[in-house]
Amino acid sequence: MLNEMRLRVTDHGIRISYSMTSIDQILELAIQIQQIAAPTFAEGPRGEFVRDLFLKEKLKDVSMDSLGNVFARLPGKQKKAKELVVSAHLDTVFPPSINLQIKREAERVIAPGIGDNSLGVAALFGIVWLLRERNIMLNHDVWFVANVGEEGLGDLRGMRGVVERFGADVIGYLVLEGLALGHVYHRAIGVKRYRITAKTAGGHSWSDYGQPSAVHELASLVTHLTSIRLPREPRTTMNVGTITGGTGINVLAAEAKCELDLRSENLSTLTKLVHQVEDILVNASREGVKIMAEVIGERPAGEIPVEHELVQLAVLCTREQGLEAVLTAGSTDANIPLSEGIPAVVMGITTGGGAHTVNEFVDIAPIKKGMEGLIKFVESVGEAVSRGQ
């Protein structure tokens, strides 16, 4: 172990002295990370905090790119061996105004963003600490990345930059999600998002009654869109997540907007749905009513087969912890490499619940199993991929 380890707050973040178990270290670091607000597009302070910790750990080639992604390299024994990229996203779904108060219970920690994804970022350091504690020297380099833009309208911009930097000449990508213990993501759900705007002349609700209202027109359009029948298999969804408009209760609204999210496990099914939606949008305008739509997000689909070495290794590492490995699909940072045919899997750190709510929580005890699974994966992935080639 790193002898004794404590985390204490200073004006510049945390300083490390030594005296607890590695699992306690990881949880305490996750709490420190969670206390730094990191809304999508405003991850800078959290990124700088992580960069400073990478430097304190004396990792190599520590840097931050123009997007705000933070990089650090743990050298392996073989300089020409392919590298493993391990990433965790910095951003949260919460605005800067959210109360980040933490509540501790005997078996869990409750706080906004603690599992998604403060614990995932802390696990980057947990991997470093445990490898060093056990004197495990890898043959390959490991690049640790704390990336931006995973949530919401970030549109995976951080991971797009990461994949652009490293490309396909890597062992693969291991993406960490704090609340996904027991799940192995190897399929990427395709997503397309629109901002739809309705515009009219507006007017007075009494004297101009009968003239179109942007709110009414948009509500009617949403009803039309959500009447589209969606297949259960492959799983396909549609959601209007936000709707705004109007200036007063007695005003015919001149403008209203909504944001629409389309998803499917199957790319062709998503494409069909996109065509249906866009046909409706193109034909929605009429005299006195203008309907406009812009694409505000697109997460490409992709997958690697269950038989792939990375998937099989992730399953093995999970089962060795006495857990049932659930193979699944999701919309995560792994979408980007998977969509380009680059091997990637998502693994989790612990169990918990309430993701994306102020009552989000992580279970403490399973963190040990999650970290043991990650260490086994990072240690074995080079050999596993070599055997499969």
Protein backbone atom coordinates (compact mmCIF):
# COMPACT_ATOMS: atom_id res chain seq x y z
CA MET A 1 0.00 0.00 0.00
CA LEU A 2 1.10 3.62 -0.16
CA ASN A 3 2.01 3.20 3.51
CA GLU A 4 -0.49 5.47 5.30
CA MET A 5 -2.77 7.75 3.35
CA ARG A 6 -4.99 10.62 4.42
CA LEU A 7 -6.66 13.32 2.40
CA ARG A 8 -6.93 16.76 3.96
CA VAL A 9 -8.40 19.88 2.42
CA THR A 10 -6.16 22.89 1.79
CA ASP A 11 -6.71 26.13 -0.10
CA HIS A 12 -5.46 24.38 -3.22
CA GLY A 13 -7.39 21.13 -2.94
CA ILE A 14 -6.10 18.10 -1.09
CA ARG A 15 -2.76 16.99 0.15
CA ILE A 16 -1.89 13.37 0.65
CA SER A 17 -0.43 11.92 3.84
CA TYR A 18 -0.73 8.23 4.63
CA SER A 19 -2.83 5.98 7.00
CA MET A 20 -5.95 4.25 5.61
CA THR A 21 -6.85 1.32 3.46
CA SER A 22 -6.91 1.84 -0.27
CA ILE A 23 -10.71 1.52 -0.44
CA ASP A 24 -11.10 4.28 2.15
CA GLN A 25 -8.70 6.40 0.10
CA ILE A 26 -10.80 5.96 -3.02
CA LEU A 27 -14.06 6.84 -1.27
CA GLU A 28 -12.56 9.89 0.42
CA LEU A 29 -11.13 11.09 -2.88
CA ALA A 30 -14.51 10.57 -4.55
CA ILE A 31 -16.06 12.83 -1.93
CA GLN A 32 -13.42 15.50 -2.52
CA ILE A 33 -14.10 15.34 -6.26
CA GLN A 34 -17.86 15.46 -5.72
CA GLN A 35 -17.48 18.68 -3.74
CA ILE A 36 -16.17 20.48 -6.85
CA ALA A 37 -19.09 21.45 -9.08
CA ALA A 38 -18.61 20.20 -12.65
CA PRO A 39 -21.62 20.88 -14.88
CA THR A 40 -21.16 19.89 -18.50
CA PHE A 41 -19.21 22.69 -20.26
CA ALA A 42 -17.88 23.93 -16.88
CA GLU A 43 -15.66 21.06 -15.73
CA GLY A 44 -12.52 23.25 -15.50
CA PRO A 45 -12.05 23.43 -11.70
CA ARG A 46 -12.56 19.69 -11.30
CA GLY A 47 -10.21 19.00 -14.21
CA GLU A 48 -7.49 21.19 -12.69
CA PHE A 49 -7.91 19.39 -9.38
CA VAL A 50 -7.43 16.02 -11.10
CA ARG A 51 -4.45 17.31 -13.09
CA ASP A 52 -2.76 18.44 -9.86
CA LEU A 53 -3.29 15.00 -8.35
CA PHE A 54 -1.84 13.28 -11.42
CA LEU A 55 1.25 15.45 -10.98
CA LYS A 56 1.49 14.61 -7.28
CA GLU A 57 1.33 10.92 -8.18
CA LYS A 58 4.37 11.54 -10.43
CA LEU A 59 2.66 10.10 -13.47
CA LYS A 60 4.20 10.91 -16.84
CA ASP A 61 3.08 13.30 -19.59
CA VAL A 62 0.40 14.97 -17.48
CA SER A 63 -1.52 17.49 -19.57
CA MET A 64 -4.88 19.12 -20.23
CA ASP A 65 -6.09 19.60 -23.80
CA SER A 66 -8.10 22.48 -25.27
CA LEU A 67 -11.39 20.71 -24.47
CA GLY A 68 -10.51 20.26 -20.81
CA ASN A 69 -9.65 16.54 -20.93
CA VAL A 70 -6.89 15.61 -18.46
CA PHE A 71 -4.26 12.98 -19.38
CA ALA A 72 -1.57 11.08 -17.49
CA ARG A 73 0.55 8.04 -18.39
CA LEU A 74 1.66 5.15 -16.20
CA PRO A 75 4.67 3.64 -18.01
CA GLY A 76 4.89 -0.08 -18.69
CA LYS A 77 7.95 -2.24 -19.21
CA GLN A 78 7.69 -2.50 -23.00
CA LYS A 79 8.00 0.83 -24.79
CA LYS A 80 6.60 -0.45 -28.09
CA ALA A 81 3.61 -2.26 -26.60
CA LYS A 82 0.15 -0.95 -27.39
CA GLU A 83 -1.39 1.24 -24.71
CA LEU A 84 -4.55 0.81 -22.66
CA VAL A 85 -6.73 3.91 -22.25
CA VAL A 86 -8.72 4.09 -19.00
CA SER A 87 -11.20 6.95 -18.80
CA ALA A 88 -13.83 8.43 -16.49
CA HIS A 89 -15.95 11.48 -17.21
CA LEU A 90 -15.60 14.60 -15.10
CA ASP A 91 -18.97 16.23 -15.69
CA THR A 92 -22.26 15.91 -13.84
CA VAL A 93 -25.87 16.66 -14.76
CA PHE A 94 -26.26 19.22 -11.98
CA PRO A 95 -26.15 23.02 -12.34
CA PRO A 96 -23.61 25.10 -10.35
CA SER A 97 -26.37 26.13 -7.92
CA ILE A 98 -27.05 22.58 -6.69
CA ASN A 99 -26.43 21.88 -3.02
CA LEU A 100 -23.54 19.39 -2.95
CA GLN A 101 -24.11 18.40 0.66
CA ILE A 102 -22.99 14.89 1.60
CA LYS A 103 -24.84 12.55 3.90
CA ARG A 104 -22.96 9.57 5.31
CA GLU A 105 -24.65 6.41 6.52
CA ALA A 106 -23.12 3.20 7.80
CA GLU A 107 -23.27 1.45 4.44
CA ARG A 108 -23.61 4.26 1.90
CA VAL A 109 -22.73 7.81 0.96
CA ILE A 110 -25.50 10.03 -0.42
CA ALA A 111 -24.64 13.09 -2.53
CA PRO A 112 -25.41 14.51 -6.00
CA GLY A 113 -22.95 13.07 -8.51
CA ILE A 114 -21.11 10.85 -6.02
CA GLY A 115 -21.57 7.75 -8.18
CA ASP A 116 -21.95 9.41 -11.57
CA ASN A 117 -19.16 9.98 -11.83
CA SER A 118 -17.03 11.19 -8.90
CA LEU A 119 -16.32 7.62 -7.85
CA GLY A 120 -15.33 6.72 -11.42
CA VAL A 121 -12.76 9.54 -11.49
CA ALA A 122 -11.44 8.55 -8.06
CA ALA A 123 -11.04 4.98 -9.32
CA LEU A 124 -8.45 6.19 -11.84
CA PHE A 125 -6.23 6.95 -8.87
CA GLY A 126 -7.35 3.78 -7.10
CA ILE A 127 -5.94 1.73 -9.97
CA VAL A 128 -2.59 3.55 -9.70
CA TRP A 129 -2.46 3.11 -5.92
CA LEU A 130 -3.32 -0.59 -5.99
CA LEU A 131 -0.89 -1.40 -8.80
CA ARG A 132 1.90 0.27 -6.85
CA GLU A 133 0.86 -1.24 -3.54
CA ARG A 134 1.07 -4.72 -5.04
CA ASN A 135 4.24 -4.04 -7.02
CA ILE A 136 2.46 -4.89 -10.26
CA MET A 137 4.54 -3.74 -13.23
CA LEU A 138 2.59 -3.84 -16.47
CA ASN A 139 4.12 -4.62 -19.85
CA HIS A 140 2.05 -1.89 -21.49
CA ASP A 141 1.55 1.79 -20.75
CA VAL A 142 -1.76 2.90 -19.27
CA TRP A 143 -3.16 6.30 -20.14
CA PHE A 144 -5.52 7.65 -17.50
CA VAL A 145 -8.02 10.18 -18.83
CA ALA A 146 -10.52 12.34 -16.98
CA ASN A 147 -12.68 13.61 -19.82
CA VAL A 148 -15.34 16.27 -20.26
CA GLY A 149 -18.69 16.36 -22.02
CA GLU A 150 -20.22 12.96 -21.34
CA GLU A 151 -23.53 14.14 -19.93
CA GLY A 152 -26.48 15.77 -21.67
CA LEU A 153 -25.65 18.14 -24.49
CA GLY A 154 -21.92 17.54 -24.03
CA ASP A 155 -22.49 15.07 -26.87
CA LEU A 156 -19.42 13.02 -25.87
CA ARG A 157 -17.18 15.84 -27.09
CA GLY A 158 -14.47 14.95 -24.59
CA MET A 159 -14.25 11.33 -25.67
CA ARG A 160 -14.33 12.36 -29.31
CA GLY A 161 -11.14 14.30 -28.57
CA VAL A 162 -9.62 11.38 -26.69
CA VAL A 163 -10.23 8.94 -29.55
CA GLU A 164 -8.95 11.48 -32.04
CA ARG A 165 -5.73 11.64 -30.00
CA PHE A 166 -5.13 7.91 -29.51
CA GLY A 167 -7.02 6.44 -32.44
CA ALA A 168 -7.26 2.71 -33.01
CA ASP A 169 -3.64 1.79 -32.30
CA VAL A 170 -4.38 0.85 -28.69
CA ILE A 171 -5.21 -2.28 -26.74
CA GLY A 172 -8.62 -0.75 -26.20
CA TYR A 173 -10.62 1.61 -24.03
CA LEU A 174 -11.82 0.85 -20.50
CA VAL A 175 -14.51 3.33 -19.45
CA LEU A 176 -15.28 3.64 -15.73
CA GLU A 177 -18.76 4.36 -14.40
CA GLY A 178 -19.23 4.59 -10.65
CA LEU A 179 -22.62 2.88 -10.40
CA ALA A 180 -22.27 0.09 -12.97
CA LEU A 181 -20.76 -2.74 -10.87
CA GLY A 182 -21.70 -6.12 -12.32
CA HIS A 183 -22.55 -4.68 -15.73
CA VAL A 184 -20.31 -4.96 -18.77
CA TYR A 185 -21.27 -2.54 -21.53
CA HIS A 186 -20.06 -3.64 -24.96
CA ARG A 187 -22.85 -2.22 -27.12
CA ALA A 188 -23.47 1.47 -27.66
CA ILE A 189 -27.01 2.81 -27.95
CA GLY A 190 -27.45 5.25 -30.80
CA VAL A 191 -28.90 8.64 -29.84
CA LYS A 192 -30.11 11.65 -31.83
CA ARG A 193 -31.35 14.87 -30.24
CA TYR A 194 -33.22 17.87 -31.59
CA ARG A 195 -34.22 21.31 -30.41
CA ILE A 196 -37.59 22.11 -31.97
CA THR A 197 -38.87 25.69 -32.15
CA ALA A 198 -42.39 26.87 -32.98
CA LYS A 199 -42.90 30.52 -33.98
CA THR A 200 -46.11 32.50 -34.55
CA ALA A 201 -47.15 36.16 -34.60
CA GLY A 202 -48.42 35.89 -31.03
CA GLY A 203 -51.09 38.21 -29.63
CA HIS A 204 -53.65 38.71 -26.88
CA SER A 205 -55.44 35.66 -25.55
CA TRP A 206 -58.83 37.42 -25.79
CA SER A 207 -58.74 39.92 -28.61
CA ASP A 208 -56.63 37.71 -30.88
CA TYR A 209 -58.26 34.43 -29.91
CA GLY A 210 -58.29 32.01 -32.81
CA GLN A 211 -54.84 33.02 -33.98
CA PRO A 212 -52.11 30.39 -33.52
CA SER A 213 -50.13 30.16 -30.28
CA ALA A 214 -46.61 28.74 -30.43
CA VAL A 215 -47.26 26.83 -27.19
CA HIS A 216 -50.41 25.22 -28.58
CA GLU A 217 -48.72 24.40 -31.87
CA LEU A 218 -45.74 22.84 -30.15
CA ALA A 219 -47.94 20.84 -27.78
CA SER A 220 -49.88 19.49 -30.76
CA LEU A 221 -46.64 18.62 -32.54
CA VAL A 222 -45.30 16.76 -29.49
CA THR A 223 -48.55 14.79 -29.31
CA HIS A 224 -48.15 13.87 -32.98
CA LEU A 225 -44.52 12.80 -32.50
CA THR A 226 -45.20 10.69 -29.44
CA SER A 227 -47.99 8.85 -31.25
CA ILE A 228 -45.34 7.09 -33.36
CA ARG A 229 -45.36 3.43 -32.39
CA LEU A 230 -41.96 2.29 -31.17
CA PRO A 231 -40.73 -1.31 -31.16
CA ARG A 232 -39.98 -3.04 -27.89
CA GLU A 233 -37.35 -5.13 -29.63
CA PRO A 234 -34.89 -3.69 -30.35
CA ARG A 235 -35.55 -1.34 -27.47
CA THR A 236 -36.27 2.13 -28.84
CA THR A 237 -37.33 5.27 -26.97
CA MET A 238 -38.50 8.83 -27.53
CA ASN A 239 -38.55 11.55 -24.90
CA VAL A 240 -39.36 15.26 -24.80
CA GLY A 241 -37.18 16.28 -21.90
CA THR A 242 -37.73 20.05 -21.80
CA ILE A 243 -40.40 22.44 -23.05
CA THR A 244 -40.43 26.22 -22.69
CA GLY A 245 -42.27 29.17 -24.20
CA GLY A 246 -44.63 32.05 -23.82
CA THR A 247 -44.41 35.29 -21.82
CA GLY A 248 -47.66 35.40 -19.86
CA ILE A 249 -50.88 33.58 -19.05
CA ASN A 250 -52.98 35.90 -21.20
CA VAL A 251 -50.58 36.00 -24.15
CA LEU A 252 -50.69 33.93 -27.31
CA ALA A 253 -47.10 32.69 -27.29
CA ALA A 254 -44.94 33.89 -30.17
CA GLU A 255 -42.28 31.24 -29.53
CA ALA A 256 -41.96 27.87 -27.80
CA LYS A 257 -39.20 25.28 -27.75
CA CYS A 258 -38.70 21.68 -26.74
CA GLU A 259 -35.83 19.20 -26.76
CA LEU A 260 -36.38 15.73 -28.18
CA ASP A 261 -34.28 12.63 -27.48
CA LEU A 262 -34.42 9.53 -29.72
CA ARG A 263 -32.62 6.28 -28.85
CA SER A 264 -32.36 2.72 -30.08
CA GLU A 265 -30.22 -0.34 -29.56
CA ASN A 266 -30.30 -0.87 -33.31
CA LEU A 267 -28.85 1.63 -35.77
CA SER A 268 -31.27 0.84 -38.60
CA THR A 269 -34.24 1.14 -36.24
CA LEU A 270 -32.97 4.52 -35.03
CA THR A 271 -32.47 5.64 -38.62
CA LYS A 272 -36.06 4.68 -39.47
CA LEU A 273 -37.36 6.61 -36.45
CA VAL A 274 -35.26 9.64 -37.36
CA HIS A 275 -36.77 9.63 -40.85
CA GLN A 276 -40.31 9.43 -39.41
CA VAL A 277 -39.66 12.30 -37.01
CA GLU A 278 -38.01 14.48 -39.63
CA ASP A 279 -40.87 13.90 -42.09
CA ILE A 280 -43.30 15.18 -39.46
CA LEU A 281 -41.09 18.18 -38.67
CA VAL A 282 -40.59 19.14 -42.33
CA ASN A 283 -44.35 19.17 -42.92
CA ALA A 284 -45.35 20.79 -39.62
CA SER A 285 -45.19 24.43 -40.71
CA ARG A 286 -48.30 26.11 -42.09
CA GLU A 287 -49.59 29.63 -42.67
CA GLY A 288 -48.82 31.68 -39.59
CA VAL A 289 -46.81 28.86 -37.96
CA LYS A 290 -43.14 28.16 -38.52
CA ILE A 291 -41.58 24.97 -37.15
CA MET A 292 -37.79 24.72 -37.08
CA ALA A 293 -35.57 21.91 -35.83
CA GLU A 294 -31.85 21.68 -35.23
CA VAL A 295 -29.77 18.64 -34.30
CA ILE A 296 -28.18 19.32 -30.91
CA GLY A 297 -26.66 15.93 -30.23
CA GLU A 298 -25.76 12.67 -31.91
CA ARG A 299 -24.23 9.66 -30.21
CA PRO A 300 -23.23 6.99 -32.70
CA ALA A 301 -24.04 3.34 -32.17
CA GLY A 302 -21.56 0.46 -32.27
CA GLU A 303 -20.56 -2.76 -30.57
CA ILE A 304 -18.02 -5.49 -30.19
CA PRO A 305 -19.20 -9.10 -30.00
CA VAL A 306 -19.60 -11.01 -26.76
CA GLU A 307 -16.72 -13.24 -27.89
CA HIS A 308 -14.26 -10.33 -28.04
CA GLU A 309 -11.27 -10.63 -25.69
CA LEU A 310 -12.09 -7.39 -23.84
CA VAL A 311 -15.67 -8.47 -23.18
CA GLN A 312 -14.67 -11.94 -22.06
CA LEU A 313 -11.99 -10.54 -19.76
CA ALA A 314 -14.42 -8.02 -18.23
CA VAL A 315 -16.89 -10.85 -17.61
CA LEU A 316 -14.19 -13.03 -16.04
CA CYS A 317 -12.95 -10.21 -13.79
CA THR A 318 -16.51 -9.55 -12.65
CA ARG A 319 -17.31 -13.18 -11.96
CA GLU A 320 -14.09 -13.63 -9.99
CA GLN A 321 -15.56 -11.17 -7.50
CA GLY A 322 -18.55 -13.44 -6.97
CA LEU A 323 -20.80 -11.27 -9.14
CA GLU A 324 -23.00 -12.18 -12.07
CA ALA A 325 -21.78 -10.30 -15.13
CA VAL A 326 -24.63 -8.64 -17.00
CA LEU A 327 -23.83 -7.92 -20.64
CA THR A 328 -25.65 -4.80 -21.69
CA ALA A 329 -25.90 -1.71 -23.90
CA GLY A 330 -25.78 1.94 -22.93
CA SER A 331 -25.12 5.49 -24.01
CA THR A 332 -21.67 6.19 -22.58
CA ASP A 333 -18.25 7.47 -23.58
CA ALA A 334 -17.66 4.02 -25.07
CA ASN A 335 -20.02 4.97 -27.93
CA ILE A 336 -17.21 6.83 -29.67
CA PRO A 337 -14.56 4.08 -29.91
CA LEU A 338 -17.20 1.39 -30.48
CA SER A 339 -18.72 3.37 -33.36
CA GLU A 340 -15.28 3.44 -35.00
CA GLY A 341 -14.71 -0.28 -34.56
CA ILE A 342 -12.23 0.21 -31.71
CA PRO A 343 -12.55 -2.23 -28.78
CA ALA A 344 -14.08 -0.69 -25.66
CA VAL A 345 -15.95 -1.86 -22.58
CA VAL A 346 -17.53 -0.11 -19.62
CA MET A 347 -17.08 -1.47 -16.09
CA GLY A 348 -18.35 -0.19 -12.76
CA ILE A 349 -16.99 0.47 -9.29
CA THR A 350 -19.93 -0.21 -6.96
CA THR A 351 -23.69 -0.47 -6.66
CA GLY A 352 -26.00 2.35 -5.67
CA GLY A 353 -28.99 4.27 -6.93
CA GLY A 354 -30.70 7.59 -7.49
CA ALA A 355 -28.45 8.51 -10.40
CA HIS A 356 -29.01 12.05 -11.72
CA THR A 357 -30.99 13.02 -8.59
CA VAL A 358 -29.97 14.89 -5.44
CA ASN A 359 -30.42 11.62 -3.54
CA GLU A 360 -27.84 9.71 -5.58
CA PHE A 361 -25.94 7.21 -3.43
CA VAL A 362 -23.13 4.68 -3.56
CA ASP A 363 -22.82 1.51 -1.51
CA ILE A 364 -19.50 1.40 0.30
CA ALA A 365 -18.82 -2.32 0.76
CA PRO A 366 -18.89 -3.33 -2.95
CA ILE A 367 -16.19 -0.79 -3.87
CA LYS A 368 -13.58 -3.38 -2.96
CA LYS A 369 -15.01 -5.88 -5.45
CA GLY A 370 -15.22 -3.24 -8.13
CA MET A 371 -11.60 -2.21 -7.69
CA GLU A 372 -10.37 -5.80 -7.60
CA GLY A 373 -12.14 -6.43 -10.89
CA LEU A 374 -10.56 -3.34 -12.47
CA ILE A 375 -7.06 -4.23 -11.27
CA LYS A 376 -7.41 -7.73 -12.69
CA PHE A 377 -8.60 -6.30 -16.01
CA VAL A 378 -5.80 -3.74 -16.31
CA GLU A 379 -3.18 -6.33 -15.34
CA SER A 380 -4.43 -9.03 -17.73
CA VAL A 381 -5.74 -7.14 -20.76
CA GLY A 382 -2.48 -7.06 -22.73
CA GLU A 383 -2.00 -10.81 -22.52
CA ALA A 384 -5.70 -11.49 -23.19
CA VAL A 385 -5.67 -9.46 -26.39
CA SER A 386 -2.39 -11.02 -27.51
CA ARG A 387 -3.84 -14.50 -27.11
CA GLY A 388 -6.84 -13.55 -29.22
CA GLN A 389 -4.81 -12.16 -32.12
